[in-house]
Amino acid sequence: ARSPFQNEFDLQLLQEFKVKAGTSVNRLQVTFAILNIGNMLNKKWGHSIYASNQQFNLINYKGVVGSTPTFTYDGSGQTNGNPYLLSDLLSRWRGQIGLRYIFN
């Protein structure tokens, strides 16, 4: 409830090759993945937004007045007017290559 909607989507390409080893046929898979491809297409897309546990409190306990506990809302803990931060490192697109050998 503290941060705006965010989305991230990935793309993965996979090619499989049959490898004959003796009497059995094994498989070799080669993969290439682009993580957070939206940020690769447009720098304003795929941002990773977070709010740490103690960075910003929505309500603060002030004490008891009579027999009623009192709370206040204090927006002073906000960063740039927002209760969340933008992670520059996690918002970047990343590439990944993989190999997988499957024995039968």
N, C-alpha and C. Protein backbone atom coordinates (compact mmCIF):
# COMPACT_ATOMS: atom_id res chain seq x y z
N ALA A 1 0.81 -1.19 0.00
CA ALA A 1 0.00 0.00 0.00
C ALA A 1 0.86 1.26 0.00
N ARG A 2 2.18 1.10 0.03
CA ARG A 2 3.04 2.26 0.12
C ARG A 2 3.67 2.66 -1.22
N SER A 3 3.69 1.77 -2.17
CA SER A 3 4.37 2.08 -3.43
C SER A 3 3.42 1.92 -4.61
N PRO A 4 3.73 2.58 -5.73
CA PRO A 4 2.86 2.47 -6.91
C PRO A 4 3.02 1.12 -7.59
N PHE A 5 2.11 0.84 -8.53
CA PHE A 5 2.15 -0.40 -9.28
C PHE A 5 3.45 -0.47 -10.07
N GLN A 6 4.05 -1.63 -10.11
CA GLN A 6 5.25 -1.84 -10.90
C GLN A 6 5.14 -3.16 -11.63
N ASN A 7 5.82 -3.24 -12.78
CA ASN A 7 5.80 -4.49 -13.53
C ASN A 7 7.17 -4.71 -14.16
N GLU A 8 7.44 -5.97 -14.44
CA GLU A 8 8.69 -6.36 -15.07
C GLU A 8 8.39 -7.62 -15.87
N PHE A 9 8.86 -7.67 -17.10
CA PHE A 9 8.68 -8.89 -17.88
C PHE A 9 9.99 -9.30 -18.52
N ASP A 10 10.12 -10.59 -18.75
CA ASP A 10 11.36 -11.19 -19.21
C ASP A 10 11.12 -11.91 -20.54
N LEU A 11 12.21 -12.17 -21.25
CA LEU A 11 12.16 -12.92 -22.50
C LEU A 11 13.23 -14.00 -22.43
N GLN A 12 12.85 -15.24 -22.79
CA GLN A 12 13.81 -16.34 -22.81
C GLN A 12 13.68 -17.10 -24.12
N LEU A 13 14.83 -17.35 -24.76
CA LEU A 13 14.90 -18.15 -25.98
C LEU A 13 15.62 -19.45 -25.63
N LEU A 14 15.09 -20.58 -26.13
CA LEU A 14 15.66 -21.89 -25.83
C LEU A 14 15.81 -22.68 -27.12
N GLN A 15 16.98 -23.27 -27.30
CA GLN A 15 17.22 -24.17 -28.44
C GLN A 15 17.68 -25.50 -27.88
N GLU A 16 17.07 -26.58 -28.36
CA GLU A 16 17.42 -27.92 -27.87
C GLU A 16 18.06 -28.72 -28.98
N PHE A 17 19.14 -29.44 -28.65
CA PHE A 17 19.86 -30.28 -29.59
C PHE A 17 19.87 -31.71 -29.07
N LYS A 18 19.73 -32.67 -29.98
CA LYS A 18 19.83 -34.08 -29.60
C LYS A 18 21.29 -34.50 -29.72
N VAL A 19 21.77 -35.19 -28.69
CA VAL A 19 23.16 -35.64 -28.66
C VAL A 19 23.15 -37.15 -28.47
N LYS A 20 23.71 -37.87 -29.46
CA LYS A 20 23.76 -39.33 -29.37
C LYS A 20 25.00 -39.71 -28.57
N ALA A 21 24.79 -40.43 -27.47
CA ALA A 21 25.88 -40.89 -26.60
C ALA A 21 25.73 -42.39 -26.41
N GLY A 22 26.47 -43.14 -27.19
CA GLY A 22 26.35 -44.60 -27.12
C GLY A 22 25.02 -45.04 -27.70
N THR A 23 24.24 -45.76 -26.89
CA THR A 23 22.93 -46.25 -27.35
C THR A 23 21.79 -45.30 -26.97
N SER A 24 22.05 -44.32 -26.16
CA SER A 24 20.98 -43.41 -25.74
C SER A 24 21.11 -42.06 -26.45
N VAL A 25 19.99 -41.35 -26.51
CA VAL A 25 19.95 -40.01 -27.10
C VAL A 25 19.68 -39.02 -25.98
N ASN A 26 20.67 -38.21 -25.68
CA ASN A 26 20.54 -37.18 -24.65
C ASN A 26 20.20 -35.84 -25.31
N ARG A 27 19.93 -34.85 -24.49
CA ARG A 27 19.56 -33.53 -25.02
C ARG A 27 20.44 -32.45 -24.40
N LEU A 28 20.78 -31.48 -25.20
CA LEU A 28 21.51 -30.31 -24.75
C LEU A 28 20.65 -29.09 -25.02
N GLN A 29 20.38 -28.31 -23.98
CA GLN A 29 19.58 -27.10 -24.13
C GLN A 29 20.47 -25.88 -23.93
N VAL A 30 20.34 -24.93 -24.83
CA VAL A 30 21.05 -23.65 -24.74
C VAL A 30 19.98 -22.57 -24.59
N THR A 31 20.11 -21.74 -23.57
CA THR A 31 19.12 -20.70 -23.33
C THR A 31 19.79 -19.33 -23.31
N PHE A 32 19.02 -18.34 -23.71
CA PHE A 32 19.42 -16.94 -23.61
C PHE A 32 18.23 -16.19 -23.05
N ALA A 33 18.42 -15.49 -21.96
CA ALA A 33 17.32 -14.77 -21.32
C ALA A 33 17.68 -13.31 -21.15
N ILE A 34 16.70 -12.46 -21.36
CA ILE A 34 16.82 -11.03 -21.05
C ILE A 34 15.83 -10.76 -19.93
N LEU A 35 16.35 -10.40 -18.76
CA LEU A 35 15.53 -10.10 -17.61
C LEU A 35 15.21 -8.61 -17.60
N ASN A 36 13.97 -8.27 -17.36
CA ASN A 36 13.48 -6.89 -17.35
C ASN A 36 13.68 -6.25 -18.73
N ILE A 37 13.18 -6.92 -19.75
CA ILE A 37 13.35 -6.44 -21.13
C ILE A 37 12.65 -5.10 -21.36
N GLY A 38 11.64 -4.79 -20.57
CA GLY A 38 10.97 -3.49 -20.70
C GLY A 38 11.94 -2.34 -20.48
N ASN A 39 12.85 -2.48 -19.52
CA ASN A 39 13.83 -1.43 -19.26
C ASN A 39 14.85 -1.33 -20.40
N MET A 40 15.08 -2.43 -21.11
CA MET A 40 15.98 -2.40 -22.26
C MET A 40 15.34 -1.60 -23.40
N LEU A 41 14.02 -1.69 -23.55
CA LEU A 41 13.31 -0.99 -24.61
C LEU A 41 13.11 0.49 -24.29
N ASN A 42 12.85 0.80 -23.01
CA ASN A 42 12.60 2.18 -22.59
C ASN A 42 13.11 2.35 -21.16
N LYS A 43 13.96 3.33 -20.91
CA LYS A 43 14.57 3.51 -19.58
C LYS A 43 13.55 3.88 -18.50
N LYS A 44 12.35 4.28 -18.89
CA LYS A 44 11.32 4.63 -17.90
C LYS A 44 10.47 3.42 -17.50
N TRP A 45 10.68 2.28 -18.13
CA TRP A 45 9.90 1.07 -17.84
C TRP A 45 10.70 0.14 -16.94
N GLY A 46 10.00 -0.72 -16.21
CA GLY A 46 10.64 -1.78 -15.43
C GLY A 46 11.40 -1.31 -14.21
N HIS A 47 10.97 -0.23 -13.61
CA HIS A 47 11.64 0.26 -12.41
C HIS A 47 11.29 -0.61 -11.21
N SER A 48 12.27 -0.87 -10.37
CA SER A 48 12.07 -1.63 -9.14
C SER A 48 11.95 -0.66 -7.98
N ILE A 49 10.79 -0.66 -7.35
CA ILE A 49 10.49 0.28 -6.27
C ILE A 49 10.33 -0.50 -4.98
N TYR A 50 10.85 0.03 -3.88
CA TYR A 50 10.75 -0.67 -2.61
C TYR A 50 10.63 0.33 -1.46
N ALA A 51 10.12 -0.17 -0.36
CA ALA A 51 10.07 0.59 0.89
C ALA A 51 10.62 -0.32 1.98
N SER A 52 11.69 0.12 2.62
CA SER A 52 12.27 -0.71 3.67
C SER A 52 11.38 -0.71 4.91
N ASN A 53 11.61 -1.66 5.81
CA ASN A 53 10.73 -1.84 6.96
C ASN A 53 10.62 -0.59 7.84
N GLN A 54 11.73 0.03 8.16
CA GLN A 54 11.71 1.16 9.08
C GLN A 54 11.95 2.50 8.39
N GLN A 55 11.91 2.51 7.07
CA GLN A 55 12.16 3.75 6.35
C GLN A 55 11.05 4.76 6.57
N PHE A 56 9.82 4.29 6.60
CA PHE A 56 8.70 5.20 6.67
C PHE A 56 7.56 4.55 7.43
N ASN A 57 7.11 5.18 8.47
CA ASN A 57 5.97 4.68 9.25
C ASN A 57 4.71 5.43 8.83
N LEU A 58 3.67 4.69 8.50
CA LEU A 58 2.43 5.35 8.11
C LEU A 58 1.76 6.02 9.31
N ILE A 59 1.79 5.36 10.45
CA ILE A 59 1.20 5.94 11.66
C ILE A 59 2.21 5.85 12.80
N ASN A 60 2.11 6.78 13.72
CA ASN A 60 2.99 6.82 14.89
C ASN A 60 2.15 6.82 16.16
N TYR A 61 2.54 6.00 17.09
CA TYR A 61 1.86 5.93 18.38
C TYR A 61 2.32 7.11 19.22
N LYS A 62 1.36 7.90 19.75
CA LYS A 62 1.69 9.08 20.53
C LYS A 62 1.45 8.89 22.03
N GLY A 63 0.62 7.97 22.38
CA GLY A 63 0.35 7.75 23.80
C GLY A 63 -1.13 7.50 24.04
N VAL A 64 -1.50 7.57 25.30
CA VAL A 64 -2.88 7.33 25.70
C VAL A 64 -3.46 8.61 26.27
N VAL A 65 -4.61 9.02 25.76
CA VAL A 65 -5.33 10.18 26.27
C VAL A 65 -6.58 9.63 26.94
N GLY A 66 -6.64 9.73 28.25
CA GLY A 66 -7.73 9.10 29.00
C GLY A 66 -7.54 7.60 28.92
N SER A 67 -8.45 6.92 28.27
CA SER A 67 -8.30 5.47 28.06
C SER A 67 -8.21 5.12 26.58
N THR A 68 -7.99 6.15 25.73
CA THR A 68 -7.95 5.94 24.29
C THR A 68 -6.53 6.13 23.75
N PRO A 69 -5.98 5.12 23.07
CA PRO A 69 -4.66 5.32 22.46
C PRO A 69 -4.77 6.29 21.29
N THR A 70 -3.76 7.13 21.12
CA THR A 70 -3.76 8.11 20.04
C THR A 70 -2.63 7.83 19.07
N PHE A 71 -2.92 8.06 17.79
CA PHE A 71 -1.96 7.86 16.71
C PHE A 71 -1.98 9.08 15.81
N THR A 72 -0.87 9.36 15.18
CA THR A 72 -0.81 10.46 14.22
C THR A 72 -0.15 9.96 12.94
N TYR A 73 -0.47 10.65 11.86
CA TYR A 73 0.17 10.38 10.58
C TYR A 73 1.22 11.46 10.38
N ASP A 74 2.46 11.03 10.10
CA ASP A 74 3.56 11.98 9.91
C ASP A 74 4.25 11.65 8.60
N GLY A 75 4.18 12.56 7.64
CA GLY A 75 4.79 12.32 6.33
C GLY A 75 6.22 12.81 6.23
N SER A 76 6.85 13.13 7.36
CA SER A 76 8.20 13.69 7.31
C SER A 76 9.26 12.68 6.92
N GLY A 77 8.97 11.38 6.99
CA GLY A 77 9.96 10.37 6.65
C GLY A 77 10.04 10.08 5.16
N GLN A 78 9.34 10.84 4.35
CA GLN A 78 9.31 10.56 2.93
C GLN A 78 10.59 11.02 2.25
N THR A 79 10.96 10.31 1.18
CA THR A 79 12.10 10.66 0.35
C THR A 79 11.58 11.25 -0.96
N ASN A 80 11.93 12.47 -1.25
CA ASN A 80 11.44 13.16 -2.45
C ASN A 80 9.92 13.18 -2.51
N GLY A 81 9.28 13.28 -1.38
CA GLY A 81 7.82 13.32 -1.33
C GLY A 81 7.15 11.98 -1.45
N ASN A 82 7.91 10.88 -1.47
CA ASN A 82 7.35 9.54 -1.60
C ASN A 82 7.82 8.65 -0.46
N PRO A 83 6.98 7.73 -0.01
CA PRO A 83 7.39 6.80 1.05
C PRO A 83 8.16 5.59 0.53
N TYR A 84 8.67 5.65 -0.69
CA TYR A 84 9.39 4.53 -1.29
C TYR A 84 10.63 5.05 -2.02
N LEU A 85 11.50 4.14 -2.36
CA LEU A 85 12.73 4.47 -3.10
C LEU A 85 12.78 3.69 -4.40
N LEU A 86 13.50 4.21 -5.36
CA LEU A 86 13.71 3.55 -6.64
C LEU A 86 15.10 2.94 -6.63
N SER A 87 15.19 1.63 -6.85
CA SER A 87 16.47 0.94 -6.88
C SER A 87 17.05 1.03 -8.29
N ASP A 88 18.13 1.80 -8.44
CA ASP A 88 18.74 1.97 -9.75
C ASP A 88 19.36 0.66 -10.24
N LEU A 89 20.00 -0.09 -9.35
CA LEU A 89 20.66 -1.33 -9.74
C LEU A 89 19.66 -2.41 -10.16
N LEU A 90 18.58 -2.60 -9.39
CA LEU A 90 17.60 -3.64 -9.70
C LEU A 90 16.68 -3.26 -10.86
N SER A 91 16.67 -1.98 -11.24
CA SER A 91 15.82 -1.53 -12.34
C SER A 91 16.46 -1.74 -13.70
N ARG A 92 17.70 -2.14 -13.75
CA ARG A 92 18.39 -2.32 -15.03
C ARG A 92 18.06 -3.67 -15.66
N TRP A 93 18.13 -3.72 -16.99
CA TRP A 93 17.94 -5.00 -17.67
C TRP A 93 19.21 -5.82 -17.54
N ARG A 94 19.04 -7.15 -17.60
CA ARG A 94 20.17 -8.06 -17.43
C ARG A 94 20.04 -9.19 -18.44
N GLY A 95 21.17 -9.74 -18.86
CA GLY A 95 21.18 -10.87 -19.78
C GLY A 95 21.74 -12.10 -19.08
N GLN A 96 21.30 -13.26 -19.53
CA GLN A 96 21.74 -14.51 -18.91
C GLN A 96 21.81 -15.60 -19.98
N ILE A 97 22.91 -16.36 -19.96
CA ILE A 97 23.09 -17.49 -20.88
C ILE A 97 23.14 -18.77 -20.05
N GLY A 98 22.50 -19.82 -20.52
CA GLY A 98 22.49 -21.07 -19.77
C GLY A 98 22.69 -22.29 -20.66
N LEU A 99 23.29 -23.31 -20.08
CA LEU A 99 23.46 -24.62 -20.73
C LEU A 99 22.88 -25.69 -19.80
N ARG A 100 22.20 -26.65 -20.40
CA ARG A 100 21.60 -27.75 -19.62
C ARG A 100 21.76 -29.03 -20.42
N TYR A 101 22.35 -30.02 -19.78
CA TYR A 101 22.52 -31.33 -20.43
C TYR A 101 21.59 -32.31 -19.73
N ILE A 102 20.73 -32.96 -20.50
CA ILE A 102 19.71 -33.86 -19.94
C ILE A 102 20.05 -35.29 -20.35
N PHE A 103 20.31 -36.13 -19.37
CA PHE A 103 20.61 -37.53 -19.61
C PHE A 103 19.31 -38.33 -19.69
N ASN A 104 19.26 -39.31 -20.60
CA ASN A 104 18.08 -40.20 -20.68
C ASN A 104 18.40 -41.54 -20.09
